[in-house]
Amino acid sequence: MKFKLLIVMTQDELTDKAIEAARSEGATGCTVITGARGEGLTPQKTFLGLNLAGQRDVVLFLVEEHISRDILEAIAAACGFEETPGAGVTFQIDIEDAIGMKGQMQSIMQDISKEDL
């Protein structure tokens, strides 16, 4: 079985929407890294040396490759990544191997079996 790592970088207020969208498309779990900083096309303004930009979250999903694109698109739609500049970005990376997915594998195999019916 092959996996993809989906990486979502978004405003902290959109993190829950991203997670809900991913779960609705078959993601079985995630890791959230809070308090990240980022800068887009134009740097954020500062006030007396303090950055006015809000915190970002980085959300990591390790998902089966057959559902990865559906999850990616669901996250982008739910969070408005294409419509709202600065809302966030999501992308995927190929994973060569993964260990420690035994619990998730049972759920993934059941979902795949349901699709074959």
C-alpha atoms as a PDB file:
ATOM      1  CA  MET A   1       0.000   0.000   0.000  1.00  0.00           C
ATOM      2  CA  LYS A   2       1.339   3.444  -0.909  1.00  0.00           C
ATOM      3  CA  PHE A   3       0.908   6.609   1.098  1.00  0.00           C
ATOM      4  CA  LYS A   4       1.026  10.359   0.581  1.00  0.00           C
ATOM      5  CA  LEU A   5       1.845  13.007   3.146  1.00  0.00           C
ATOM      6  CA  LEU A   6      -0.588  15.898   2.874  1.00  0.00           C
ATOM      7  CA  ILE A   7       0.743  19.108   4.346  1.00  0.00           C
ATOM      8  CA  VAL A   8      -1.666  21.929   5.124  1.00  0.00           C
ATOM      9  CA  MET A   9      -0.415  25.358   6.169  1.00  0.00           C
ATOM     10  CA  THR A  10      -3.281  27.586   7.173  1.00  0.00           C
ATOM     11  CA  GLN A  11      -4.602  30.251   9.502  1.00  0.00           C
ATOM     12  CA  ASP A  12      -5.257  28.754  12.918  1.00  0.00           C
ATOM     13  CA  GLU A  13      -8.970  29.539  12.680  1.00  0.00           C
ATOM     14  CA  LEU A  14      -9.230  27.279   9.587  1.00  0.00           C
ATOM     15  CA  THR A  15      -7.449  24.270  11.080  1.00  0.00           C
ATOM     16  CA  ASP A  16     -10.606  22.554  12.325  1.00  0.00           C
ATOM     17  CA  LYS A  17     -12.283  23.044   8.930  1.00  0.00           C
ATOM     18  CA  ALA A  18      -9.295  21.416   7.221  1.00  0.00           C
ATOM     19  CA  ILE A  19      -9.376  18.452   9.600  1.00  0.00           C
ATOM     20  CA  GLU A  20     -13.131  17.963   9.218  1.00  0.00           C
ATOM     21  CA  ALA A  21     -12.869  18.115   5.411  1.00  0.00           C
ATOM     22  CA  ALA A  22     -10.032  15.568   5.404  1.00  0.00           C
ATOM     23  CA  ARG A  23     -11.903  13.185   7.699  1.00  0.00           C
ATOM     24  CA  SER A  24     -15.013  13.424   5.531  1.00  0.00           C
ATOM     25  CA  GLU A  25     -12.922  12.135   2.611  1.00  0.00           C
ATOM     26  CA  GLY A  26     -11.308   9.259   4.515  1.00  0.00           C
ATOM     27  CA  ALA A  27      -8.340  10.602   6.485  1.00  0.00           C
ATOM     28  CA  THR A  28      -7.890   8.553   9.657  1.00  0.00           C
ATOM     29  CA  GLY A  29      -5.882  11.031  11.726  1.00  0.00           C
ATOM     30  CA  CYS A  30      -3.530  13.985  11.672  1.00  0.00           C
ATOM     31  CA  THR A  31      -0.781  15.845  13.488  1.00  0.00           C
ATOM     32  CA  VAL A  32      -1.174  19.584  14.145  1.00  0.00           C
ATOM     33  CA  ILE A  33       1.854  21.791  14.661  1.00  0.00           C
ATOM     34  CA  THR A  34       0.755  25.125  16.101  1.00  0.00           C
ATOM     35  CA  GLY A  35       2.381  28.516  16.190  1.00  0.00           C
ATOM     36  CA  ALA A  36       4.143  28.407  12.829  1.00  0.00           C
ATOM     37  CA  ARG A  37       5.004  31.615  11.010  1.00  0.00           C
ATOM     38  CA  GLY A  38       4.882  32.243   7.306  1.00  0.00           C
ATOM     39  CA  GLU A  39       5.145  34.975   4.755  1.00  0.00           C
ATOM     40  CA  GLY A  40       3.415  35.160   1.388  1.00  0.00           C
ATOM     41  CA  LEU A  41       3.932  37.240  -1.713  1.00  0.00           C
ATOM     42  CA  THR A  42       3.883  40.549   0.160  1.00  0.00           C
ATOM     43  CA  PRO A  43       5.411  40.800   3.651  1.00  0.00           C
ATOM     44  CA  GLN A  44       3.044  41.585   6.524  1.00  0.00           C
ATOM     45  CA  LYS A  45       3.179  45.024   8.083  1.00  0.00           C
ATOM     46  CA  THR A  46       4.636  45.523  11.517  1.00  0.00           C
ATOM     47  CA  PHE A  47       3.809  47.961  14.288  1.00  0.00           C
ATOM     48  CA  LEU A  48       6.752  49.106  16.416  1.00  0.00           C
ATOM     49  CA  GLY A  49       8.676  46.017  15.375  1.00  0.00           C
ATOM     50  CA  LEU A  50       5.861  43.590  16.245  1.00  0.00           C
ATOM     51  CA  ASN A  51       4.510  41.334  13.523  1.00  0.00           C
ATOM     52  CA  LEU A  52       0.774  41.841  12.993  1.00  0.00           C
ATOM     53  CA  ALA A  53       0.305  38.550  11.146  1.00  0.00           C
ATOM     54  CA  GLY A  54      -1.657  35.828  12.924  1.00  0.00           C
ATOM     55  CA  GLN A  55      -0.228  32.447  13.772  1.00  0.00           C
ATOM     56  CA  ARG A  56      -0.368  29.597  11.305  1.00  0.00           C
ATOM     57  CA  ASP A  57      -0.887  25.917  11.877  1.00  0.00           C
ATOM     58  CA  VAL A  58       0.765  23.095   9.966  1.00  0.00           C
ATOM     59  CA  VAL A  59      -1.420  19.995   9.704  1.00  0.00           C
ATOM     60  CA  LEU A  60       0.061  16.677   8.549  1.00  0.00           C
ATOM     61  CA  PHE A  61      -2.066  13.831   7.170  1.00  0.00           C
ATOM     62  CA  LEU A  62      -0.614  10.448   6.189  1.00  0.00           C
ATOM     63  CA  VAL A  63      -3.192   8.986   3.797  1.00  0.00           C
ATOM     64  CA  GLU A  64      -3.551   6.191   1.278  1.00  0.00           C
ATOM     65  CA  GLU A  65      -2.606   7.448  -2.189  1.00  0.00           C
ATOM     66  CA  HIS A  66      -5.937   6.616  -3.870  1.00  0.00           C
ATOM     67  CA  ILE A  67      -7.825   9.086  -1.692  1.00  0.00           C
ATOM     68  CA  SER A  68      -5.120  11.733  -1.359  1.00  0.00           C
ATOM     69  CA  ARG A  69      -6.273  13.991  -4.217  1.00  0.00           C
ATOM     70  CA  ASP A  70      -9.899  13.941  -2.989  1.00  0.00           C
ATOM     71  CA  ILE A  71      -8.731  14.949   0.490  1.00  0.00           C
ATOM     72  CA  LEU A  72      -6.477  17.662  -0.922  1.00  0.00           C
ATOM     73  CA  GLU A  73      -9.339  19.179  -2.933  1.00  0.00           C
ATOM     74  CA  ALA A  74     -11.802  18.917  -0.019  1.00  0.00           C
ATOM     75  CA  ILE A  75      -9.417  20.804   2.273  1.00  0.00           C
ATOM     76  CA  ALA A  76      -8.815  23.540  -0.317  1.00  0.00           C
ATOM     77  CA  ALA A  77     -12.558  23.967  -0.928  1.00  0.00           C
ATOM     78  CA  ALA A  78     -13.526  23.962   2.771  1.00  0.00           C
ATOM     79  CA  CYS A  79     -10.858  26.533   3.662  1.00  0.00           C
ATOM     80  CA  GLY A  80     -11.218  28.693   0.549  1.00  0.00           C
ATOM     81  CA  PHE A  81      -7.568  28.454  -0.445  1.00  0.00           C
ATOM     82  CA  GLU A  82      -8.244  29.408  -4.085  1.00  0.00           C
ATOM     83  CA  GLU A  83     -10.680  32.216  -3.265  1.00  0.00           C
ATOM     84  CA  THR A  84      -9.044  33.909  -0.274  1.00  0.00           C
ATOM     85  CA  PRO A  85      -5.455  35.156  -0.579  1.00  0.00           C
ATOM     86  CA  GLY A  86      -3.430  34.179   2.477  1.00  0.00           C
ATOM     87  CA  ALA A  87      -5.928  31.572   3.692  1.00  0.00           C
ATOM     88  CA  GLY A  88      -3.410  28.796   3.248  1.00  0.00           C
ATOM     89  CA  VAL A  89      -1.884  26.198   1.003  1.00  0.00           C
ATOM     90  CA  THR A  90      -1.941  22.407   0.845  1.00  0.00           C
ATOM     91  CA  PHE A  91       0.211  19.951  -1.065  1.00  0.00           C
ATOM     92  CA  GLN A  92       1.208  16.311  -1.055  1.00  0.00           C
ATOM     93  CA  ILE A  93       4.476  14.381  -1.019  1.00  0.00           C
ATOM     94  CA  ASP A  94       5.118  10.727  -1.875  1.00  0.00           C
ATOM     95  CA  ILE A  95       6.005   8.514   1.088  1.00  0.00           C
ATOM     96  CA  GLU A  96       8.406   5.659   0.437  1.00  0.00           C
ATOM     97  CA  ASP A  97       7.552   3.643   3.549  1.00  0.00           C
ATOM     98  CA  ALA A  98       5.626   3.963   6.825  1.00  0.00           C
ATOM     99  CA  ILE A  99       5.624   2.023  10.092  1.00  0.00           C
ATOM    100  CA  GLY A 100       3.170   2.385  12.960  1.00  0.00           C
ATOM    101  CA  MET A 101      -0.011   2.517  10.901  1.00  0.00           C
ATOM    102  CA  LYS A 102      -1.515  -0.805  12.066  1.00  0.00           C
ATOM    103  CA  GLY A 103      -4.663   0.726  13.572  1.00  0.00           C
ATOM    104  CA  GLN A 104      -5.298   2.954  10.574  1.00  0.00           C
ATOM    105  CA  MET A 105      -4.581   0.124   8.108  1.00  0.00           C
ATOM    106  CA  GLN A 106      -7.631  -1.834   9.268  1.00  0.00           C
ATOM    107  CA  SER A 107      -9.872   1.171   8.636  1.00  0.00           C
ATOM    108  CA  ILE A 108      -8.244   1.886   5.267  1.00  0.00           C
ATOM    109  CA  MET A 109      -8.637  -1.747   4.147  1.00  0.00           C
ATOM    110  CA  GLN A 110     -12.325  -1.697   5.127  1.00  0.00           C
ATOM    111  CA  ASP A 111     -12.869   1.499   3.139  1.00  0.00           C
ATOM    112  CA  ILE A 112     -11.134   0.005   0.107  1.00  0.00           C
ATOM    113  CA  SER A 113     -13.268  -3.167   0.398  1.00  0.00           C
ATOM    114  CA  LYS A 114     -16.453  -1.060   0.478  1.00  0.00           C
ATOM    115  CA  GLU A 115     -15.370   0.731  -2.720  1.00  0.00           C
ATOM    116  CA  ASP A 116     -14.879  -2.604  -4.504  1.00  0.00           C
ATOM    117  CA  LEU A 117     -18.500  -3.676  -3.864  1.00  0.00           C
END
